[in-house]
C-alpha atoms as a PDB file:
ATOM      1  CA  MET A   1     259.211 192.818-133.607  1.00  0.00           C
ATOM      2  CA  GLN A   2     256.217 194.862-135.371  1.00  0.00           C
ATOM      3  CA  ASN A   3     253.739 192.359-134.232  1.00  0.00           C
ATOM      4  CA  GLU A   4     255.736 193.150-130.553  1.00  0.00           C
ATOM      5  CA  ALA A   5     255.275 196.906-131.581  1.00  0.00           C
ATOM      6  CA  ARG A   6     251.512 195.851-132.210  1.00  0.00           C
ATOM      7  CA  HIS A   7     250.599 194.414-129.273  1.00  0.00           C
ATOM      8  CA  MET A   8     251.761 196.889-127.555  1.00  0.00           C
ATOM      9  CA  VAL A   9     250.418 199.651-128.097  1.00  0.00           C
ATOM     10  CA  PRO A  10     246.746 200.079-125.566  1.00  0.00           C
ATOM     11  CA  ILE A  11     243.044 199.070-127.934  1.00  0.00           C
ATOM     12  CA  ASP A  12     240.350 201.664-126.013  1.00  0.00           C
ATOM     13  CA  PRO A  13     237.411 198.399-126.260  1.00  0.00           C
ATOM     14  CA  TYR A  14     234.782 202.000-126.757  1.00  0.00           C
ATOM     15  CA  GLU A  15     237.083 203.189-130.145  1.00  0.00           C
ATOM     16  CA  ASP A  16     237.496 198.855-131.217  1.00  0.00           C
ATOM     17  CA  GLY A  17     233.912 198.902-132.739  1.00  0.00           C
ATOM     18  CA  ALA A  18     231.548 199.226-129.474  1.00  0.00           C
ATOM     19  CA  LYS A  19     229.905 202.953-129.488  1.00  0.00           C
ATOM     20  CA  GLU A  20     226.971 201.516-127.975  1.00  0.00           C
ATOM     21  CA  THR A  21     229.038 200.423-125.303  1.00  0.00           C
ATOM     22  CA  ARG A  22     230.327 203.971-123.674  1.00  0.00           C
ATOM     23  CA  GLN A  23     226.340 205.267-123.920  1.00  0.00           C
ATOM     24  CA  ASP A  24     225.529 202.358-121.350  1.00  0.00           C
ATOM     25  CA  PHE A  25     228.094 202.947-119.394  1.00  0.00           C
ATOM     26  CA  THR A  26     227.324 206.983-119.372  1.00  0.00           C
ATOM     27  CA  ALA A  27     223.527 206.217-119.643  1.00  0.00           C
ATOM     28  CA  ASN A  28     223.292 205.092-115.475  1.00  0.00           C
ATOM     29  CA  ASP A  29     224.686 209.148-114.404  1.00  0.00           C
ATOM     30  CA  PHE A  30     221.939 210.593-113.762  1.00  0.00           C
ATOM     31  CA  ARG A  31     220.894 207.472-111.573  1.00  0.00           C
ATOM     32  CA  ILE A  32     223.776 207.128-109.859  1.00  0.00           C
ATOM     33  CA  THR A  33     223.880 210.895-108.812  1.00  0.00           C
ATOM     34  CA  ARG A  34     221.164 210.433-107.368  1.00  0.00           C
ATOM     35  CA  ALA A  35     221.620 207.543-105.282  1.00  0.00           C
ATOM     36  CA  LEU A  36     224.790 209.652-104.576  1.00  0.00           C
ATOM     37  CA  ASP A  37     223.002 212.279-102.921  1.00  0.00           C
ATOM     38  CA  SER A  38     220.234 210.444-101.427  1.00  0.00           C
ATOM     39  CA  LEU A  39     222.746 209.007 -99.407  1.00  0.00           C
ATOM     40  CA  LEU A  40     224.730 211.759 -98.523  1.00  0.00           C
ATOM     41  CA  ILE A  41     222.087 213.276 -96.948  1.00  0.00           C
ATOM     42  CA  SER A  42     220.780 210.635 -95.807  1.00  0.00           C
ATOM     43  CA  ALA A  43     224.263 210.925 -93.772  1.00  0.00           C
ATOM     44  CA  ARG A  44     224.085 214.073 -93.123  1.00  0.00           C
ATOM     45  CA  SER A  45     221.012 213.234 -91.462  1.00  0.00           C
ATOM     46  CA  ILE A  46     222.030 210.976 -88.920  1.00  0.00           C
ATOM     47  CA  LYS A  47     221.844 212.585 -85.211  1.00  0.00           C
ATOM     48  CA  GLY A  48     223.702 211.455 -82.495  1.00  0.00           C
ATOM     49  CA  ASP A  49     226.634 209.908 -84.408  1.00  0.00           C
ATOM     50  CA  ALA A  50     228.682 212.559 -85.494  1.00  0.00           C
ATOM     51  CA  VAL A  51     231.987 210.739 -85.963  1.00  0.00           C
ATOM     52  CA  SER A  52     229.903 208.187 -88.289  1.00  0.00           C
ATOM     53  CA  ALA A  53     227.290 210.245 -90.084  1.00  0.00           C
ATOM     54  CA  GLU A  54     231.318 212.223 -90.983  1.00  0.00           C
ATOM     55  CA  ASP A  55     231.993 209.179 -92.020  1.00  0.00           C
ATOM     56  CA  ILE A  56     229.566 208.135 -94.062  1.00  0.00           C
ATOM     57  CA  ALA A  57     229.550 211.349 -96.323  1.00  0.00           C
ATOM     58  CA  ALA A  58     233.323 210.625 -97.517  1.00  0.00           C
ATOM     59  CA  ARG A  59     232.932 207.628 -98.361  1.00  0.00           C
ATOM     60  CA  VAL A  60     229.922 208.649-100.365  1.00  0.00           C
ATOM     61  CA  GLN A  61     233.148 211.615-101.531  1.00  0.00           C
ATOM     62  CA  THR A  62     234.546 209.436-102.672  1.00  0.00           C
ATOM     63  CA  LEU A  63     232.860 207.157-103.793  1.00  0.00           C
ATOM     64  CA  ARG A  64     231.925 209.525-106.624  1.00  0.00           C
ATOM     65  CA  HIS A  65     235.676 210.717-107.132  1.00  0.00           C
ATOM     66  CA  LEU A  66     235.666 207.057-107.777  1.00  0.00           C
ATOM     67  CA  LEU A  67     233.876 206.477-110.324  1.00  0.00           C
ATOM     68  CA  LYS A  68     234.210 210.752-111.959  1.00  0.00           C
ATOM     69  CA  GLN A  69     237.919 208.545-112.737  1.00  0.00           C
ATOM     70  CA  VAL A  70     236.638 206.109-114.260  1.00  0.00           C
ATOM     71  CA  GLY A  71     234.761 208.050-116.572  1.00  0.00           C
ATOM     72  CA  HIS A  72     230.934 208.598-115.207  1.00  0.00           C
ATOM     73  CA  VAL A  73     229.818 212.292-114.750  1.00  0.00           C
ATOM     74  CA  VAL A  74     227.960 212.416-111.002  1.00  0.00           C
END
């Protein structure tokens, strides 16, 4: 019974001795932020096709939101 309970506890790989992995994971936040900002600026500069421009901008914002959900600071 104790073995089953032990297996049910979720293990966070970052708390399981892999601190450098967390650092690696967040090290690219600045570059990711710059890339997303650049894409957003490019999407907003599209002329003649406002629907496509807004669609691209919305997708960039969705990607930013998803990255935040997994722990990135973007």
